């Protein structure tokens, strides 16, 4: 495995006061798929700083409105389908290697604004954590199962 063929990135599992997870639908697809905030790291950028930057860029939520609860023990990866790998990021990467952060949202729903200067999402909602692997595009389902496993001790019990 060539680490350089995987784009360094950070992901955020953002929980509200009820233990539900923030998910959003991307603008660049018509699929009925929902994802958690995530994005690439700038060269030399610390993963935590990158996660907080991505969160604000994608949701309008500033760092002061979140509490970092946990960080993944290592990087979690996903592979792009071959058709996407050839076109996305000019074919440079096979997928992403992400450091994930579990964060607690301290604000109100009214403080979330996906109509950012460079919007990425068309809709958002709070979802049950157990639903996440079924909501994401299929090639990221295993990644989401791994994120759930990574943060299982902090998530509300399944009822």
N, C-alpha and C. Protein backbone atom coordinates (compact mmCIF):
# COMPACT_ATOMS: atom_id res chain seq x y z
N UNK A 1 0.84 -1.19 0.00
CA UNK A 1 0.00 0.00 0.00
C UNK A 1 0.87 1.24 0.00
N UNK A 2 0.62 2.10 -0.90
CA UNK A 2 1.39 3.33 -1.02
C UNK A 2 0.60 4.46 -0.38
N UNK A 3 1.03 4.90 0.82
CA UNK A 3 0.33 5.96 1.55
C UNK A 3 0.18 7.22 0.70
N UNK A 4 1.14 7.49 -0.18
CA UNK A 4 1.08 8.69 -1.00
C UNK A 4 -0.05 8.65 -2.02
N UNK A 5 -0.61 7.47 -2.28
CA UNK A 5 -1.71 7.34 -3.23
C UNK A 5 -3.07 7.58 -2.56
N UNK A 6 -3.05 7.90 -1.24
CA UNK A 6 -4.27 8.19 -0.50
C UNK A 6 -4.20 9.62 0.03
N UNK A 7 -5.17 10.41 -0.32
CA UNK A 7 -5.20 11.82 0.04
C UNK A 7 -5.37 11.97 1.56
N UNK A 8 -4.48 12.71 2.23
CA UNK A 8 -4.64 12.93 3.67
C UNK A 8 -5.87 13.80 3.93
N UNK A 9 -6.67 13.41 4.92
CA UNK A 9 -7.92 14.11 5.17
C UNK A 9 -8.33 13.95 6.63
N UNK A 10 -9.38 14.65 7.00
CA UNK A 10 -9.96 14.56 8.33
C UNK A 10 -11.47 14.43 8.18
N UNK A 11 -12.08 13.71 9.13
CA UNK A 11 -13.52 13.54 9.14
C UNK A 11 -14.07 13.89 10.51
N UNK A 12 -15.34 14.29 10.54
CA UNK A 12 -15.97 14.72 11.79
C UNK A 12 -17.29 14.00 11.99
N UNK A 13 -17.41 13.29 13.12
CA UNK A 13 -18.69 12.78 13.57
C UNK A 13 -19.17 13.77 14.61
N UNK A 14 -20.16 14.56 14.26
CA UNK A 14 -20.66 15.63 15.12
C UNK A 14 -21.97 15.19 15.76
N UNK A 15 -21.98 15.12 17.08
CA UNK A 15 -23.17 14.70 17.83
C UNK A 15 -23.89 15.90 18.43
N UNK A 16 -25.23 15.87 18.34
CA UNK A 16 -26.00 16.90 19.04
C UNK A 16 -26.27 16.44 20.47
N UNK A 17 -27.03 17.22 21.21
CA UNK A 17 -27.30 16.91 22.62
C UNK A 17 -28.06 15.59 22.79
N UNK A 18 -28.78 15.17 21.74
CA UNK A 18 -29.55 13.92 21.80
C UNK A 18 -28.75 12.72 21.31
N UNK A 19 -27.47 12.92 20.97
CA UNK A 19 -26.62 11.83 20.51
C UNK A 19 -26.84 11.47 19.05
N UNK A 20 -27.53 12.35 18.31
CA UNK A 20 -27.73 12.13 16.88
C UNK A 20 -26.57 12.76 16.12
N UNK A 21 -26.32 12.28 14.90
CA UNK A 21 -25.14 12.64 14.12
C UNK A 21 -25.53 13.57 12.97
N UNK A 22 -24.74 14.63 12.77
CA UNK A 22 -24.94 15.55 11.65
C UNK A 22 -24.55 14.85 10.35
N UNK A 23 -25.47 14.87 9.38
CA UNK A 23 -25.19 14.38 8.03
C UNK A 23 -25.76 15.37 7.03
N UNK A 24 -25.17 15.37 5.84
CA UNK A 24 -25.62 16.31 4.81
C UNK A 24 -25.52 15.65 3.44
N UNK A 25 -26.29 16.20 2.49
CA UNK A 25 -26.24 15.73 1.11
C UNK A 25 -25.38 16.67 0.29
N UNK A 26 -24.49 16.10 -0.50
CA UNK A 26 -23.58 16.89 -1.32
C UNK A 26 -24.32 17.59 -2.46
N UNK A 27 -23.84 18.75 -2.83
CA UNK A 27 -24.38 19.50 -3.97
C UNK A 27 -24.05 18.85 -5.32
N UNK A 28 -22.91 18.16 -5.38
CA UNK A 28 -22.43 17.66 -6.67
C UNK A 28 -22.98 16.28 -7.05
N UNK A 29 -24.05 15.85 -6.40
CA UNK A 29 -24.66 14.58 -6.75
C UNK A 29 -26.17 14.64 -6.52
N UNK A 30 -26.89 13.86 -7.26
CA UNK A 30 -28.33 13.77 -7.05
C UNK A 30 -28.70 12.51 -6.26
N UNK A 31 -27.69 11.74 -5.86
CA UNK A 31 -27.93 10.54 -5.07
C UNK A 31 -28.58 10.88 -3.74
N UNK A 32 -29.39 9.98 -3.25
CA UNK A 32 -30.00 10.15 -1.93
C UNK A 32 -29.03 9.64 -0.87
N UNK A 33 -27.81 10.16 -0.89
CA UNK A 33 -26.76 9.74 0.04
C UNK A 33 -26.46 10.90 0.99
N UNK A 34 -26.18 10.52 2.23
CA UNK A 34 -25.86 11.50 3.27
C UNK A 34 -24.47 11.19 3.80
N UNK A 35 -23.72 12.22 4.14
CA UNK A 35 -22.38 12.01 4.67
C UNK A 35 -22.09 12.95 5.82
N UNK A 36 -21.09 12.56 6.62
CA UNK A 36 -20.59 13.42 7.68
C UNK A 36 -19.57 14.38 7.07
N UNK A 37 -19.34 15.52 7.72
CA UNK A 37 -18.35 16.46 7.19
C UNK A 37 -16.96 15.82 7.14
N UNK A 38 -16.23 16.11 6.09
CA UNK A 38 -14.88 15.60 5.92
C UNK A 38 -14.22 16.35 4.79
N UNK A 39 -12.91 16.33 4.77
CA UNK A 39 -12.22 16.98 3.68
C UNK A 39 -10.72 16.83 3.77
N UNK A 40 -10.06 17.19 2.69
CA UNK A 40 -8.62 17.06 2.59
C UNK A 40 -7.87 18.03 3.47
N UNK A 41 -6.70 17.60 3.88
CA UNK A 41 -5.81 18.45 4.67
C UNK A 41 -4.88 19.22 3.76
N UNK A 42 -4.59 20.44 4.13
CA UNK A 42 -3.59 21.23 3.41
C UNK A 42 -2.21 20.67 3.75
N UNK A 43 -1.21 20.85 2.87
CA UNK A 43 0.13 20.33 3.16
C UNK A 43 0.63 20.82 4.52
N UNK A 44 1.05 19.88 5.37
CA UNK A 44 1.57 20.21 6.69
C UNK A 44 0.52 20.55 7.73
N UNK A 45 -0.75 20.52 7.38
CA UNK A 45 -1.82 20.90 8.31
C UNK A 45 -2.05 19.79 9.34
N UNK A 46 -2.18 20.17 10.59
CA UNK A 46 -2.51 19.26 11.67
C UNK A 46 -3.94 18.73 11.45
N UNK A 47 -4.17 17.42 11.62
CA UNK A 47 -5.51 16.88 11.37
C UNK A 47 -6.62 17.54 12.20
N UNK A 48 -6.36 17.88 13.45
CA UNK A 48 -7.40 18.53 14.26
C UNK A 48 -7.72 19.91 13.71
N UNK A 49 -6.69 20.67 13.37
CA UNK A 49 -6.92 22.00 12.78
C UNK A 49 -7.67 21.86 11.47
N UNK A 50 -7.31 20.87 10.66
CA UNK A 50 -7.99 20.65 9.39
C UNK A 50 -9.44 20.25 9.58
N UNK A 51 -9.72 19.43 10.59
CA UNK A 51 -11.10 19.02 10.86
C UNK A 51 -11.94 20.22 11.26
N UNK A 52 -11.41 21.06 12.12
CA UNK A 52 -12.16 22.26 12.54
C UNK A 52 -12.36 23.22 11.38
N UNK A 53 -11.34 23.35 10.52
CA UNK A 53 -11.48 24.21 9.34
C UNK A 53 -12.55 23.66 8.40
N UNK A 54 -12.49 22.37 8.11
CA UNK A 54 -13.47 21.75 7.22
C UNK A 54 -14.88 21.88 7.78
N UNK A 55 -15.02 21.67 9.09
CA UNK A 55 -16.34 21.78 9.71
C UNK A 55 -16.93 23.16 9.48
N UNK A 56 -16.13 24.19 9.69
CA UNK A 56 -16.64 25.55 9.50
C UNK A 56 -16.89 25.84 8.01
N UNK A 57 -15.99 25.40 7.15
CA UNK A 57 -16.17 25.64 5.71
C UNK A 57 -17.44 24.99 5.18
N UNK A 58 -17.78 23.80 5.70
CA UNK A 58 -18.91 23.05 5.16
C UNK A 58 -20.23 23.32 5.86
N UNK A 59 -20.18 23.72 7.15
CA UNK A 59 -21.41 23.85 7.93
C UNK A 59 -21.62 25.22 8.56
N UNK A 60 -20.60 26.07 8.49
CA UNK A 60 -20.68 27.36 9.15
C UNK A 60 -20.47 27.27 10.66
N UNK A 61 -20.17 26.08 11.19
CA UNK A 61 -20.01 25.90 12.63
C UNK A 61 -18.57 26.22 13.02
N UNK A 62 -18.37 27.28 13.82
CA UNK A 62 -17.00 27.62 14.25
C UNK A 62 -16.53 26.71 15.38
N UNK A 63 -15.23 26.66 15.59
CA UNK A 63 -14.62 25.80 16.61
C UNK A 63 -15.17 26.07 18.00
N UNK A 64 -15.58 27.29 18.29
CA UNK A 64 -16.07 27.61 19.63
C UNK A 64 -17.39 26.91 19.95
N UNK A 65 -18.07 26.38 18.93
CA UNK A 65 -19.35 25.71 19.15
C UNK A 65 -19.24 24.19 19.19
N UNK A 66 -18.01 23.68 19.28
CA UNK A 66 -17.84 22.23 19.38
C UNK A 66 -16.86 21.89 20.50
N UNK A 67 -17.02 20.69 21.01
CA UNK A 67 -16.08 20.12 21.98
C UNK A 67 -15.55 18.84 21.36
N UNK A 68 -14.23 18.71 21.30
CA UNK A 68 -13.64 17.48 20.77
C UNK A 68 -13.67 16.42 21.87
N UNK A 69 -14.33 15.31 21.58
CA UNK A 69 -14.52 14.23 22.55
C UNK A 69 -13.47 13.14 22.37
N UNK A 70 -13.19 12.79 21.12
CA UNK A 70 -12.25 11.70 20.85
C UNK A 70 -11.65 11.86 19.46
N UNK A 71 -10.55 11.16 19.27
CA UNK A 71 -9.84 11.13 17.98
C UNK A 71 -9.59 9.66 17.63
N UNK A 72 -9.70 9.32 16.36
CA UNK A 72 -9.44 7.94 15.96
C UNK A 72 -8.00 7.56 16.33
N UNK A 73 -7.81 6.28 16.62
CA UNK A 73 -6.49 5.81 17.03
C UNK A 73 -5.48 5.91 15.90
N UNK A 74 -5.96 5.86 14.70
CA UNK A 74 -5.09 5.96 13.53
C UNK A 74 -5.90 6.48 12.36
N UNK A 75 -5.35 6.33 11.18
CA UNK A 75 -6.06 6.76 9.98
C UNK A 75 -7.01 5.65 9.52
N UNK A 76 -8.17 6.08 9.04
CA UNK A 76 -9.13 5.17 8.43
C UNK A 76 -9.17 5.50 6.95
N UNK A 77 -9.27 4.44 6.10
CA UNK A 77 -9.17 4.66 4.66
C UNK A 77 -10.43 4.23 3.93
N UNK A 78 -10.58 4.82 2.76
CA UNK A 78 -11.55 4.28 1.80
C UNK A 78 -10.94 4.38 0.42
N UNK A 79 -11.36 3.47 -0.46
CA UNK A 79 -10.94 3.46 -1.85
C UNK A 79 -12.07 3.98 -2.72
N UNK A 80 -11.71 4.79 -3.69
CA UNK A 80 -12.68 5.27 -4.67
C UNK A 80 -12.97 4.17 -5.68
N UNK A 81 -14.19 4.13 -6.21
CA UNK A 81 -14.43 3.24 -7.36
C UNK A 81 -13.51 3.65 -8.51
N UNK A 82 -13.11 2.69 -9.33
CA UNK A 82 -12.14 2.94 -10.41
C UNK A 82 -12.56 4.12 -11.29
N UNK A 83 -13.82 4.22 -11.64
CA UNK A 83 -14.28 5.31 -12.51
C UNK A 83 -14.05 6.68 -11.88
N UNK A 84 -14.23 6.78 -10.57
CA UNK A 84 -13.99 8.05 -9.87
C UNK A 84 -12.51 8.30 -9.66
N UNK A 85 -11.76 7.25 -9.35
CA UNK A 85 -10.32 7.40 -9.09
C UNK A 85 -9.59 7.96 -10.30
N UNK A 86 -10.09 7.65 -11.49
CA UNK A 86 -9.44 8.15 -12.71
C UNK A 86 -9.69 9.63 -12.96
N UNK A 87 -10.77 10.19 -12.36
CA UNK A 87 -11.13 11.58 -12.66
C UNK A 87 -11.00 12.51 -11.46
N UNK A 88 -11.36 12.04 -10.27
CA UNK A 88 -11.32 12.89 -9.08
C UNK A 88 -9.87 13.15 -8.69
N UNK A 89 -9.56 14.35 -8.31
CA UNK A 89 -8.21 14.77 -7.92
C UNK A 89 -7.20 14.46 -9.02
N UNK A 90 -7.65 14.56 -10.28
CA UNK A 90 -6.82 14.34 -11.47
C UNK A 90 -6.16 12.97 -11.50
N UNK A 91 -6.81 11.98 -10.88
CA UNK A 91 -6.30 10.62 -10.88
C UNK A 91 -5.11 10.38 -9.96
N UNK A 92 -4.75 11.36 -9.16
CA UNK A 92 -3.56 11.25 -8.30
C UNK A 92 -3.75 10.29 -7.12
N UNK A 93 -5.01 10.18 -6.62
CA UNK A 93 -5.25 9.40 -5.41
C UNK A 93 -6.21 8.25 -5.67
N UNK A 94 -5.99 7.16 -4.94
CA UNK A 94 -6.88 5.99 -5.00
C UNK A 94 -8.05 6.14 -4.04
N UNK A 95 -7.93 7.05 -3.09
CA UNK A 95 -8.96 7.28 -2.07
C UNK A 95 -8.41 8.25 -1.04
N UNK A 96 -8.95 8.17 0.16
CA UNK A 96 -8.49 9.04 1.24
C UNK A 96 -8.07 8.22 2.45
N UNK A 97 -7.12 8.77 3.20
CA UNK A 97 -6.76 8.25 4.53
C UNK A 97 -7.08 9.37 5.50
N UNK A 98 -8.01 9.08 6.40
CA UNK A 98 -8.59 10.13 7.23
C UNK A 98 -8.35 9.89 8.72
N UNK A 99 -8.09 10.98 9.43
CA UNK A 99 -8.13 10.98 10.88
C UNK A 99 -9.52 11.49 11.25
N UNK A 100 -10.22 10.73 12.08
CA UNK A 100 -11.60 11.09 12.45
C UNK A 100 -11.66 11.67 13.85
N UNK A 101 -12.57 12.62 14.03
CA UNK A 101 -12.79 13.27 15.32
C UNK A 101 -14.26 13.15 15.69
N UNK A 102 -14.50 12.78 16.93
CA UNK A 102 -15.85 12.80 17.47
C UNK A 102 -15.99 14.12 18.21
N UNK A 103 -16.99 14.90 17.82
CA UNK A 103 -17.20 16.21 18.42
C UNK A 103 -18.64 16.32 18.92
N UNK A 104 -18.80 17.07 19.98
CA UNK A 104 -20.12 17.38 20.52
C UNK A 104 -20.48 18.80 20.11
N UNK A 105 -21.66 18.95 19.53
CA UNK A 105 -22.12 20.27 19.09
C UNK A 105 -22.73 21.01 20.27
N UNK A 106 -22.27 22.22 20.52
CA UNK A 106 -22.71 23.01 21.65
C UNK A 106 -23.70 24.10 21.26
N UNK A 107 -23.93 24.27 19.97
CA UNK A 107 -24.80 25.34 19.50
C UNK A 107 -26.23 24.88 19.29
N UNK A 108 -26.97 25.70 18.55
CA UNK A 108 -28.36 25.39 18.21
C UNK A 108 -28.44 25.10 16.72
N UNK A 109 -29.53 24.48 16.31
CA UNK A 109 -29.71 24.19 14.89
C UNK A 109 -29.67 25.47 14.06
N UNK A 110 -30.14 26.56 14.61
CA UNK A 110 -30.15 27.83 13.89
C UNK A 110 -28.77 28.39 13.59
N UNK A 111 -27.76 27.89 14.27
CA UNK A 111 -26.40 28.36 14.04
C UNK A 111 -25.69 27.55 12.95
N UNK A 112 -26.33 26.53 12.43
CA UNK A 112 -25.77 25.74 11.34
C UNK A 112 -26.18 26.40 10.03
N UNK A 113 -25.21 26.67 9.17
CA UNK A 113 -25.48 27.36 7.90
C UNK A 113 -24.66 26.73 6.79
N UNK A 114 -25.29 25.84 6.02
CA UNK A 114 -24.58 25.16 4.93
C UNK A 114 -24.45 26.05 3.70
N UNK A 115 -25.07 27.23 3.72
CA UNK A 115 -24.91 28.17 2.60
C UNK A 115 -23.67 29.02 2.86
N UNK A 116 -22.53 28.36 2.82
CA UNK A 116 -21.24 28.97 3.08
C UNK A 116 -20.72 29.66 1.82
N UNK A 117 -19.60 30.38 1.90
CA UNK A 117 -19.07 31.03 0.69
C UNK A 117 -18.78 30.04 -0.45
N UNK A 118 -18.41 28.81 -0.13
CA UNK A 118 -18.17 27.77 -1.14
C UNK A 118 -18.98 26.54 -0.72
N UNK A 119 -20.30 26.57 -0.93
CA UNK A 119 -21.15 25.50 -0.41
C UNK A 119 -20.84 24.14 -1.02
N UNK A 120 -20.94 23.11 -0.16
CA UNK A 120 -20.74 21.73 -0.59
C UNK A 120 -22.00 20.89 -0.40
N UNK A 121 -22.93 21.37 0.44
CA UNK A 121 -24.11 20.60 0.78
C UNK A 121 -25.39 21.31 0.34
N UNK A 122 -26.43 20.50 0.04
CA UNK A 122 -27.74 21.04 -0.33
C UNK A 122 -28.78 20.85 0.74
N UNK A 123 -28.54 19.94 1.69
CA UNK A 123 -29.47 19.68 2.78
C UNK A 123 -28.70 19.05 3.93
N UNK A 124 -29.25 19.16 5.14
CA UNK A 124 -28.63 18.52 6.29
C UNK A 124 -29.72 18.07 7.25
N UNK A 125 -29.34 17.14 8.15
CA UNK A 125 -30.25 16.65 9.19
C UNK A 125 -29.44 15.93 10.26
N UNK A 126 -30.11 15.59 11.35
CA UNK A 126 -29.54 14.77 12.40
C UNK A 126 -30.02 13.34 12.19
N UNK A 127 -29.13 12.36 12.31
CA UNK A 127 -29.46 10.95 12.06
C UNK A 127 -28.99 10.08 13.22
N UNK A 128 -29.57 8.92 13.31
CA UNK A 128 -29.12 7.93 14.29
C UNK A 128 -27.80 7.34 13.80
N UNK A 129 -26.85 7.17 14.70
CA UNK A 129 -25.53 6.67 14.33
C UNK A 129 -25.62 5.32 13.61
N UNK A 130 -26.48 4.43 14.08
CA UNK A 130 -26.58 3.09 13.48
C UNK A 130 -27.03 3.13 12.02
N UNK A 131 -27.65 4.23 11.59
CA UNK A 131 -28.13 4.36 10.22
C UNK A 131 -27.03 4.78 9.23
N UNK A 132 -25.92 5.27 9.74
CA UNK A 132 -24.90 5.88 8.88
C UNK A 132 -24.41 5.00 7.73
N UNK A 133 -24.03 3.73 7.95
CA UNK A 133 -23.53 2.94 6.82
C UNK A 133 -24.53 2.76 5.68
N UNK A 134 -25.82 2.81 6.00
CA UNK A 134 -26.85 2.67 4.97
C UNK A 134 -27.17 3.98 4.27
N UNK A 135 -26.69 5.10 4.81
CA UNK A 135 -27.01 6.41 4.25
C UNK A 135 -25.93 6.93 3.29
N UNK A 136 -24.72 6.41 3.43
CA UNK A 136 -23.59 6.92 2.66
C UNK A 136 -23.51 6.19 1.31
N UNK A 137 -22.75 6.76 0.37
CA UNK A 137 -22.51 6.05 -0.89
C UNK A 137 -21.87 4.70 -0.55
N UNK A 138 -22.21 3.65 -1.30
CA UNK A 138 -21.77 2.30 -0.94
C UNK A 138 -20.25 2.14 -0.75
N UNK A 139 -19.44 2.85 -1.53
CA UNK A 139 -17.99 2.65 -1.40
C UNK A 139 -17.42 3.21 -0.09
N UNK A 140 -18.21 3.99 0.66
CA UNK A 140 -17.76 4.49 1.96
C UNK A 140 -18.43 3.79 3.14
N UNK A 141 -19.29 2.80 2.88
CA UNK A 141 -20.02 2.14 3.96
C UNK A 141 -19.08 1.47 4.97
N UNK A 142 -18.05 0.79 4.49
CA UNK A 142 -17.11 0.13 5.40
C UNK A 142 -16.37 1.17 6.24
N UNK A 143 -16.00 2.29 5.65
CA UNK A 143 -15.37 3.37 6.40
C UNK A 143 -16.29 3.81 7.54
N UNK A 144 -17.57 4.00 7.24
CA UNK A 144 -18.50 4.45 8.28
C UNK A 144 -18.68 3.39 9.36
N UNK A 145 -18.67 2.12 9.01
CA UNK A 145 -18.71 1.06 10.04
C UNK A 145 -17.47 1.15 10.93
N UNK A 146 -16.33 1.44 10.33
CA UNK A 146 -15.09 1.59 11.11
C UNK A 146 -15.14 2.81 12.03
N UNK A 147 -15.71 3.90 11.55
CA UNK A 147 -15.86 5.10 12.39
C UNK A 147 -16.78 4.78 13.58
N UNK A 148 -17.89 4.09 13.31
CA UNK A 148 -18.81 3.71 14.39
C UNK A 148 -18.10 2.83 15.41
N UNK A 149 -17.31 1.90 14.95
CA UNK A 149 -16.57 1.03 15.85
C UNK A 149 -15.56 1.83 16.67
N UNK A 150 -14.88 2.75 16.02
CA UNK A 150 -13.87 3.57 16.68
C UNK A 150 -14.46 4.37 17.84
N UNK A 151 -15.68 4.89 17.66
CA UNK A 151 -16.27 5.77 18.66
C UNK A 151 -17.43 5.12 19.42
N UNK A 152 -17.55 3.80 19.34
CA UNK A 152 -18.68 3.08 19.95
C UNK A 152 -18.87 3.38 21.43
N UNK A 153 -17.78 3.54 22.17
CA UNK A 153 -17.88 3.79 23.61
C UNK A 153 -18.51 5.13 23.95
N UNK A 154 -18.57 6.03 22.97
CA UNK A 154 -19.09 7.37 23.22
C UNK A 154 -20.50 7.58 22.66
N UNK A 155 -21.01 6.60 21.93
CA UNK A 155 -22.30 6.74 21.27
C UNK A 155 -23.41 6.21 22.15
N UNK A 156 -24.63 6.77 21.99
CA UNK A 156 -25.75 6.27 22.78
C UNK A 156 -26.03 4.80 22.44
N UNK A 157 -26.51 4.04 23.41
CA UNK A 157 -26.82 2.63 23.13
C UNK A 157 -27.96 2.52 22.11
N UNK A 158 -27.91 1.47 21.31
CA UNK A 158 -28.96 1.21 20.33
C UNK A 158 -30.20 0.75 21.08
N UNK A 159 -31.33 1.37 20.78
CA UNK A 159 -32.59 0.99 21.46
C UNK A 159 -33.52 0.25 20.53
